[in-house]
Amino acid sequence: MKQIEVLIDAPEKAKKLCHILSSHKGTFDLAKGRYIVDGKSIIGVCTMDLSKPLTLTIYEEDDMVMEEIQEFVVKGR
């Protein structure tokens, strides 16, 4: 399991991240505090406050996922 901070501050970015995560096996959660949604669900992701970084939990580590989501990863946290 791996947790990283991601920023998806636009609806287009939310759609792209969900598409990337959906193309991989495994479970991905996005969380802010106690509020957790399925990272593959565009509806769930769009209910989040996208103006601030979210915690992405990757339950099955996959180097390909990390490469594909680099544009969303918050640096220096």
PDB file of N, CA and C in Angstrom:
ATOM      1  N   MET A   1       0.842  -1.175   0.000  1.00  0.00           N
ATOM      2  CA  MET A   1       0.000   0.000   0.000  1.00  0.00           C
ATOM      3  C   MET A   1       0.892   1.245   0.000  1.00  0.00           C
ATOM      4  N   LYS A   2       0.485   2.222  -0.773  1.00  0.00           N
ATOM      5  CA  LYS A   2       1.252   3.460  -0.882  1.00  0.00           C
ATOM      6  C   LYS A   2       0.276   4.626  -0.847  1.00  0.00           C
ATOM      7  N   GLN A   3       0.628   5.704  -0.133  1.00  0.00           N
ATOM      8  CA  GLN A   3      -0.194   6.901  -0.103  1.00  0.00           C
ATOM      9  C   GLN A   3       0.604   8.079  -0.614  1.00  0.00           C
ATOM     10  N   ILE A   4      -0.011   8.839  -1.520  1.00  0.00           N
ATOM     11  CA  ILE A   4       0.637  10.030  -2.071  1.00  0.00           C
ATOM     12  C   ILE A   4      -0.381  11.163  -2.137  1.00  0.00           C
ATOM     13  N   GLU A   5       0.115  12.376  -2.130  1.00  0.00           N
ATOM     14  CA  GLU A   5      -0.736  13.551  -2.264  1.00  0.00           C
ATOM     15  C   GLU A   5      -0.845  13.913  -3.748  1.00  0.00           C
ATOM     16  N   VAL A   6      -2.082  14.130  -4.200  1.00  0.00           N
ATOM     17  CA  VAL A   6      -2.320  14.500  -5.591  1.00  0.00           C
ATOM     18  C   VAL A   6      -3.199  15.748  -5.637  1.00  0.00           C
ATOM     19  N   LEU A   7      -3.053  16.508  -6.711  1.00  0.00           N
ATOM     20  CA  LEU A   7      -3.879  17.687  -6.926  1.00  0.00           C
ATOM     21  C   LEU A   7      -4.572  17.538  -8.268  1.00  0.00           C
ATOM     22  N   ILE A   8      -5.884  17.541  -8.238  1.00  0.00           N
ATOM     23  CA  ILE A   8      -6.686  17.434  -9.464  1.00  0.00           C
ATOM     24  C   ILE A   8      -7.646  18.616  -9.480  1.00  0.00           C
ATOM     25  N   ASP A   9      -7.095  19.788  -9.745  1.00  0.00           N
ATOM     26  CA  ASP A   9      -7.802  21.053  -9.574  1.00  0.00           C
ATOM     27  C   ASP A   9      -8.669  21.492 -10.755  1.00  0.00           C
ATOM     28  N   ALA A  10      -9.064  20.565 -11.602  1.00  0.00           N
ATOM     29  CA  ALA A  10      -9.950  20.887 -12.723  1.00  0.00           C
ATOM     30  C   ALA A  10     -10.729  19.636 -13.112  1.00  0.00           C
ATOM     31  N   PRO A  11     -11.965  19.803 -13.583  1.00  0.00           N
ATOM     32  CA  PRO A  11     -12.763  18.635 -13.974  1.00  0.00           C
ATOM     33  C   PRO A  11     -12.085  17.768 -15.033  1.00  0.00           C
ATOM     34  N   GLU A  12     -11.360  18.379 -15.946  1.00  0.00           N
ATOM     35  CA  GLU A  12     -10.658  17.615 -16.984  1.00  0.00           C
ATOM     36  C   GLU A  12      -9.592  16.719 -16.369  1.00  0.00           C
ATOM     37  N   LYS A  13      -8.920  17.232 -15.338  1.00  0.00           N
ATOM     38  CA  LYS A  13      -7.901  16.440 -14.655  1.00  0.00           C
ATOM     39  C   LYS A  13      -8.538  15.280 -13.891  1.00  0.00           C
ATOM     40  N   ALA A  14      -9.701  15.517 -13.299  1.00  0.00           N
ATOM     41  CA  ALA A  14     -10.406  14.449 -12.587  1.00  0.00           C
ATOM     42  C   ALA A  14     -10.765  13.332 -13.557  1.00  0.00           C
ATOM     43  N   LYS A  15     -11.264  13.702 -14.717  1.00  0.00           N
ATOM     44  CA  LYS A  15     -11.623  12.719 -15.739  1.00  0.00           C
ATOM     45  C   LYS A  15     -10.395  11.924 -16.179  1.00  0.00           C
ATOM     46  N   LYS A  16      -9.287  12.620 -16.388  1.00  0.00           N
ATOM     47  CA  LYS A  16      -8.062  11.957 -16.838  1.00  0.00           C
ATOM     48  C   LYS A  16      -7.531  11.000 -15.770  1.00  0.00           C
ATOM     49  N   LEU A  17      -7.515  11.438 -14.508  1.00  0.00           N
ATOM     50  CA  LEU A  17      -7.021  10.571 -13.434  1.00  0.00           C
ATOM     51  C   LEU A  17      -7.897   9.329 -13.295  1.00  0.00           C
ATOM     52  N   CYS A  18      -9.213   9.497 -13.337  1.00  0.00           N
ATOM     53  CA  CYS A  18     -10.117   8.341 -13.239  1.00  0.00           C
ATOM     54  C   CYS A  18      -9.892   7.373 -14.398  1.00  0.00           C
ATOM     55  N   HIS A  19      -9.666   7.913 -15.583  1.00  0.00           N
ATOM     56  CA  HIS A  19      -9.413   7.074 -16.753  1.00  0.00           C
ATOM     57  C   HIS A  19      -8.126   6.265 -16.555  1.00  0.00           C
ATOM     58  N   ILE A  20      -7.083   6.911 -16.071  1.00  0.00           N
ATOM     59  CA  ILE A  20      -5.804   6.227 -15.834  1.00  0.00           C
ATOM     60  C   ILE A  20      -5.992   5.118 -14.795  1.00  0.00           C
ATOM     61  N   LEU A  21      -6.609   5.458 -13.665  1.00  0.00           N
ATOM     62  CA  LEU A  21      -6.787   4.471 -12.601  1.00  0.00           C
ATOM     63  C   LEU A  21      -7.681   3.321 -13.044  1.00  0.00           C
ATOM     64  N   SER A  22      -8.700   3.615 -13.843  1.00  0.00           N
ATOM     65  CA  SER A  22      -9.619   2.575 -14.317  1.00  0.00           C
ATOM     66  C   SER A  22      -8.949   1.587 -15.259  1.00  0.00           C
ATOM     67  N   SER A  23      -7.870   2.016 -15.892  1.00  0.00           N
ATOM     68  CA  SER A  23      -7.174   1.130 -16.820  1.00  0.00           C
ATOM     69  C   SER A  23      -6.244   0.143 -16.109  1.00  0.00           C
ATOM     70  N   HIS A  24      -6.167   0.243 -14.782  1.00  0.00           N
ATOM     71  CA  HIS A  24      -5.309  -0.643 -13.992  1.00  0.00           C
ATOM     72  C   HIS A  24      -6.143  -1.494 -13.046  1.00  0.00           C
ATOM     73  N   LYS A  25      -5.652  -2.698 -12.788  1.00  0.00           N
ATOM     74  CA  LYS A  25      -6.280  -3.556 -11.783  1.00  0.00           C
ATOM     75  C   LYS A  25      -5.963  -2.980 -10.414  1.00  0.00           C
ATOM     76  N   GLY A  26      -6.710  -3.383  -9.452  1.00  0.00           N
ATOM     77  CA  GLY A  26      -6.432  -2.930  -8.094  1.00  0.00           C
ATOM     78  C   GLY A  26      -7.413  -1.882  -7.625  1.00  0.00           C
ATOM     79  N   THR A  27      -7.227  -1.490  -6.375  1.00  0.00           N
ATOM     80  CA  THR A  27      -8.112  -0.536  -5.730  1.00  0.00           C
ATOM     81  C   THR A  27      -7.372   0.754  -5.457  1.00  0.00           C
ATOM     82  N   PHE A  28      -8.053   1.867  -5.706  1.00  0.00           N
ATOM     83  CA  PHE A  28      -7.488   3.192  -5.492  1.00  0.00           C
ATOM     84  C   PHE A  28      -8.529   4.030  -4.762  1.00  0.00           C
ATOM     85  N   ASP A  29      -8.154   4.644  -3.650  1.00  0.00           N
ATOM     86  CA  ASP A  29      -9.057   5.517  -2.915  1.00  0.00           C
ATOM     87  C   ASP A  29      -8.498   6.930  -2.909  1.00  0.00           C
ATOM     88  N   LEU A  30      -9.400   7.907  -2.979  1.00  0.00           N
ATOM     89  CA  LEU A  30      -9.040   9.308  -2.797  1.00  0.00           C
ATOM     90  C   LEU A  30      -9.696   9.775  -1.513  1.00  0.00           C
ATOM     91  N   ALA A  31      -8.932  10.478  -0.686  1.00  0.00           N
ATOM     92  CA  ALA A  31      -9.466  10.895   0.611  1.00  0.00           C
ATOM     93  C   ALA A  31      -9.060  12.314   0.961  1.00  0.00           C
ATOM     94  N   LYS A  32      -9.956  12.947   1.705  1.00  0.00           N
ATOM     95  CA  LYS A  32      -9.678  14.231   2.352  1.00  0.00           C
ATOM     96  C   LYS A  32     -10.311  14.122   3.724  1.00  0.00           C
ATOM     97  N   GLY A  33      -9.476  13.975   4.735  1.00  0.00           N
ATOM     98  CA  GLY A  33      -9.995  13.741   6.083  1.00  0.00           C
ATOM     99  C   GLY A  33     -10.678  12.382   6.140  1.00  0.00           C
ATOM    100  N   ARG A  34     -11.901  12.364   6.620  1.00  0.00           N
ATOM    101  CA  ARG A  34     -12.653  11.112   6.728  1.00  0.00           C
ATOM    102  C   ARG A  34     -13.445  10.789   5.469  1.00  0.00           C
ATOM    103  N   TYR A  35     -13.483  11.701   4.525  1.00  0.00           N
ATOM    104  CA  TYR A  35     -14.264  11.510   3.307  1.00  0.00           C
ATOM    105  C   TYR A  35     -13.427  10.739   2.297  1.00  0.00           C
ATOM    106  N   ILE A  36     -13.873   9.529   1.913  1.00  0.00           N
ATOM    107  CA  ILE A  36     -13.121   8.658   1.016  1.00  0.00           C
ATOM    108  C   ILE A  36     -14.014   8.239  -0.140  1.00  0.00           C
ATOM    109  N   VAL A  37     -13.463   8.303  -1.367  1.00  0.00           N
ATOM    110  CA  VAL A  37     -14.195   7.844  -2.546  1.00  0.00           C
ATOM    111  C   VAL A  37     -13.312   6.908  -3.366  1.00  0.00           C
ATOM    112  N   ASP A  38     -13.952   6.126  -4.211  1.00  0.00           N
ATOM    113  CA  ASP A  38     -13.252   5.238  -5.140  1.00  0.00           C
ATOM    114  C   ASP A  38     -12.562   6.104  -6.194  1.00  0.00           C
ATOM    115  N   GLY A  39     -11.264   5.944  -6.349  1.00  0.00           N
ATOM    116  CA  GLY A  39     -10.506   6.736  -7.308  1.00  0.00           C
ATOM    117  C   GLY A  39     -10.875   6.483  -8.752  1.00  0.00           C
ATOM    118  N   LYS A  40     -11.588   5.393  -9.022  1.00  0.00           N
ATOM    119  CA  LYS A  40     -12.000   5.072 -10.391  1.00  0.00           C
ATOM    120  C   LYS A  40     -13.372   5.659 -10.726  1.00  0.00           C
ATOM    121  N   SER A  41     -14.037   6.267  -9.754  1.00  0.00           N
ATOM    122  CA  SER A  41     -15.391   6.797  -9.937  1.00  0.00           C
ATOM    123  C   SER A  41     -15.357   8.297 -10.204  1.00  0.00           C
ATOM    124  N   ILE A  42     -15.651   8.692 -11.438  1.00  0.00           N
ATOM    125  CA  ILE A  42     -15.639  10.120 -11.781  1.00  0.00           C
ATOM    126  C   ILE A  42     -16.675  10.872 -10.955  1.00  0.00           C
ATOM    127  N   ILE A  43     -17.817  10.266 -10.698  1.00  0.00           N
ATOM    128  CA  ILE A  43     -18.838  10.936  -9.889  1.00  0.00           C
ATOM    129  C   ILE A  43     -18.333  11.137  -8.463  1.00  0.00           C
ATOM    130  N   GLY A  44     -17.726  10.099  -7.897  1.00  0.00           N
ATOM    131  CA  GLY A  44     -17.174  10.214  -6.549  1.00  0.00           C
ATOM    132  C   GLY A  44     -16.081  11.265  -6.473  1.00  0.00           C
ATOM    133  N   VAL A  45     -15.176  11.253  -7.431  1.00  0.00           N
ATOM    134  CA  VAL A  45     -14.064  12.209  -7.434  1.00  0.00           C
ATOM    135  C   VAL A  45     -14.584  13.639  -7.548  1.00  0.00           C
ATOM    136  N   CYS A  46     -15.586  13.855  -8.380  1.00  0.00           N
ATOM    137  CA  CYS A  46     -16.121  15.206  -8.577  1.00  0.00           C
ATOM    138  C   CYS A  46     -16.882  15.721  -7.362  1.00  0.00           C
ATOM    139  N   THR A  47     -17.213  14.855  -6.394  1.00  0.00           N
ATOM    140  CA  THR A  47     -17.858  15.319  -5.163  1.00  0.00           C
ATOM    141  C   THR A  47     -16.833  15.828  -4.155  1.00  0.00           C
ATOM    142  N   MET A  48     -15.553  15.628  -4.448  1.00  0.00           N
ATOM    143  CA  MET A  48     -14.488  16.064  -3.544  1.00  0.00           C
ATOM    144  C   MET A  48     -14.187  17.546  -3.770  1.00  0.00           C
ATOM    145  N   ASP A  49     -13.543  18.180  -2.784  1.00  0.00           N
ATOM    146  CA  ASP A  49     -13.052  19.547  -2.933  1.00  0.00           C
ATOM    147  C   ASP A  49     -11.759  19.453  -3.732  1.00  0.00           C
ATOM    148  N   LEU A  50     -11.844  19.748  -5.020  1.00  0.00           N
ATOM    149  CA  LEU A  50     -10.691  19.581  -5.912  1.00  0.00           C
ATOM    150  C   LEU A  50      -9.712  20.748  -5.857  1.00  0.00           C
ATOM    151  N   SER A  51      -9.978  21.752  -5.044  1.00  0.00           N
ATOM    152  CA  SER A  51      -9.080  22.904  -4.962  1.00  0.00           C
ATOM    153  C   SER A  51      -7.873  22.637  -4.068  1.00  0.00           C
ATOM    154  N   LYS A  52      -7.932  21.551  -3.300  1.00  0.00           N
ATOM    155  CA  LYS A  52      -6.842  21.226  -2.382  1.00  0.00           C
ATOM    156  C   LYS A  52      -6.332  19.817  -2.652  1.00  0.00           C
ATOM    157  N   PRO A  53      -5.084  19.536  -2.280  1.00  0.00           N
ATOM    158  CA  PRO A  53      -4.546  18.182  -2.491  1.00  0.00           C
ATOM    159  C   PRO A  53      -5.357  17.117  -1.755  1.00  0.00           C
ATOM    160  N   LEU A  54      -5.431  15.949  -2.366  1.00  0.00           N
ATOM    161  CA  LEU A  54      -6.118  14.793  -1.814  1.00  0.00           C
ATOM    162  C   LEU A  54      -5.096  13.680  -1.606  1.00  0.00           C
ATOM    163  N   THR A  55      -5.410  12.741  -0.749  1.00  0.00           N
ATOM    164  CA  THR A  55      -4.537  11.594  -0.527  1.00  0.00           C
ATOM    165  C   THR A  55      -5.023  10.444  -1.391  1.00  0.00           C
ATOM    166  N   LEU A  56      -4.151   9.977  -2.268  1.00  0.00           N
ATOM    167  CA  LEU A  56      -4.448   8.823  -3.110  1.00  0.00           C
ATOM    168  C   LEU A  56      -3.795   7.610  -2.478  1.00  0.00           C
ATOM    169  N   THR A  57      -4.607   6.609  -2.171  1.00  0.00           N
ATOM    170  CA  THR A  57      -4.091   5.355  -1.628  1.00  0.00           C
ATOM    171  C   THR A  57      -4.096   4.322  -2.740  1.00  0.00           C
ATOM    172  N   ILE A  58      -2.924   3.763  -3.000  1.00  0.00           N
ATOM    173  CA  ILE A  58      -2.750   2.716  -4.005  1.00  0.00           C
ATOM    174  C   ILE A  58      -2.525   1.427  -3.222  1.00  0.00           C
ATOM    175  N   TYR A  59      -3.474   0.510  -3.296  1.00  0.00           N
ATOM    176  CA  TYR A  59      -3.411  -0.693  -2.470  1.00  0.00           C
ATOM    177  C   TYR A  59      -2.479  -1.765  -3.036  1.00  0.00           C
ATOM    178  N   GLU A  60      -2.291  -1.767  -4.338  1.00  0.00           N
ATOM    179  CA  GLU A  60      -1.380  -2.726  -4.955  1.00  0.00           C
ATOM    180  C   GLU A  60      -0.387  -1.916  -5.779  1.00  0.00           C
ATOM    181  N   GLU A  61       0.838  -1.819  -5.295  1.00  0.00           N
ATOM    182  CA  GLU A  61       1.831  -0.981  -5.967  1.00  0.00           C
ATOM    183  C   GLU A  61       2.084  -1.438  -7.391  1.00  0.00           C
ATOM    184  N   ASP A  62       2.110  -0.462  -8.265  1.00  0.00           N
ATOM    185  CA  ASP A  62       2.284  -0.707  -9.690  1.00  0.00           C
ATOM    186  C   ASP A  62       3.094   0.461 -10.243  1.00  0.00           C
ATOM    187  N   ASP A  63       4.316   0.196 -10.683  1.00  0.00           N
ATOM    188  CA  ASP A  63       5.179   1.259 -11.187  1.00  0.00           C
ATOM    189  C   ASP A  63       4.569   1.997 -12.375  1.00  0.00           C
ATOM    190  N   MET A  64       3.787   1.284 -13.176  1.00  0.00           N
ATOM    191  CA  MET A  64       3.151   1.924 -14.340  1.00  0.00           C
ATOM    192  C   MET A  64       2.162   3.002 -13.898  1.00  0.00           C
ATOM    193  N   VAL A  65       1.415   2.737 -12.847  1.00  0.00           N
ATOM    194  CA  VAL A  65       0.461   3.731 -12.341  1.00  0.00           C
ATOM    195  C   VAL A  65       1.221   4.976 -11.912  1.00  0.00           C
ATOM    196  N   MET A  66       2.289   4.806 -11.165  1.00  0.00           N
ATOM    197  CA  MET A  66       3.065   5.949 -10.684  1.00  0.00           C
ATOM    198  C   MET A  66       3.598   6.788 -11.843  1.00  0.00           C
ATOM    199  N   GLU A  67       4.052   6.149 -12.887  1.00  0.00           N
ATOM    200  CA  GLU A  67       4.540   6.879 -14.057  1.00  0.00           C
ATOM    201  C   GLU A  67       3.424   7.677 -14.711  1.00  0.00           C
ATOM    202  N   GLU A  68       2.250   7.067 -14.835  1.00  0.00           N
ATOM    203  CA  GLU A  68       1.142   7.695 -15.535  1.00  0.00           C
ATOM    204  C   GLU A  68       0.488   8.837 -14.758  1.00  0.00           C
ATOM    205  N   ILE A  69       0.621   8.855 -13.438  1.00  0.00           N
ATOM    206  CA  ILE A  69      -0.038   9.902 -12.650  1.00  0.00           C
ATOM    207  C   ILE A  69       0.922  10.989 -12.167  1.00  0.00           C
ATOM    208  N   GLN A  70       2.133  11.010 -12.661  1.00  0.00           N
ATOM    209  CA  GLN A  70       3.131  11.977 -12.206  1.00  0.00           C
ATOM    210  C   GLN A  70       2.660  13.425 -12.290  1.00  0.00           C
ATOM    211  N   GLU A  71       1.869  13.776 -13.284  1.00  0.00           N
ATOM    212  CA  GLU A  71       1.421  15.161 -13.427  1.00  0.00           C
ATOM    213  C   GLU A  71       0.489  15.591 -12.289  1.00  0.00           C
ATOM    214  N   PHE A  72      -0.080  14.634 -11.551  1.00  0.00           N
ATOM    215  CA  PHE A  72      -1.004  14.932 -10.455  1.00  0.00           C
ATOM    216  C   PHE A  72      -0.318  14.963  -9.096  1.00  0.00           C
ATOM    217  N   VAL A  73       0.874  14.390  -8.988  1.00  0.00           N
ATOM    218  CA  VAL A  73       1.560  14.244  -7.707  1.00  0.00           C
ATOM    219  C   VAL A  73       2.052  15.612  -7.224  1.00  0.00           C
ATOM    220  N   VAL A  74       1.747  15.897  -5.964  1.00  0.00           N
ATOM    221  CA  VAL A  74       2.178  17.154  -5.338  1.00  0.00           C
ATOM    222  C   VAL A  74       3.618  16.972  -4.901  1.00  0.00           C
ATOM    223  N   LYS A  75       4.486  17.806  -5.390  1.00  0.00           N
ATOM    224  CA  LYS A  75       5.910  17.711  -5.080  1.00  0.00           C
ATOM    225  C   LYS A  75       6.215  18.407  -3.761  1.00  0.00           C
ATOM    226  N   GLY A  76       7.196  17.901  -3.048  1.00  0.00           N
ATOM    227  CA  GLY A  76       7.692  18.551  -1.842  1.00  0.00           C
ATOM    228  C   GLY A  76       6.803  18.418  -0.626  1.00  0.00           C
ATOM    229  N   ARG A  77       5.982  17.393  -0.577  1.00  0.00           N
ATOM    230  CA  ARG A  77       5.123  17.176   0.602  1.00  0.00           C
ATOM    231  C   ARG A  77       5.534  15.908   1.275  1.00  0.00           C
TER     232      ARG A  77
END
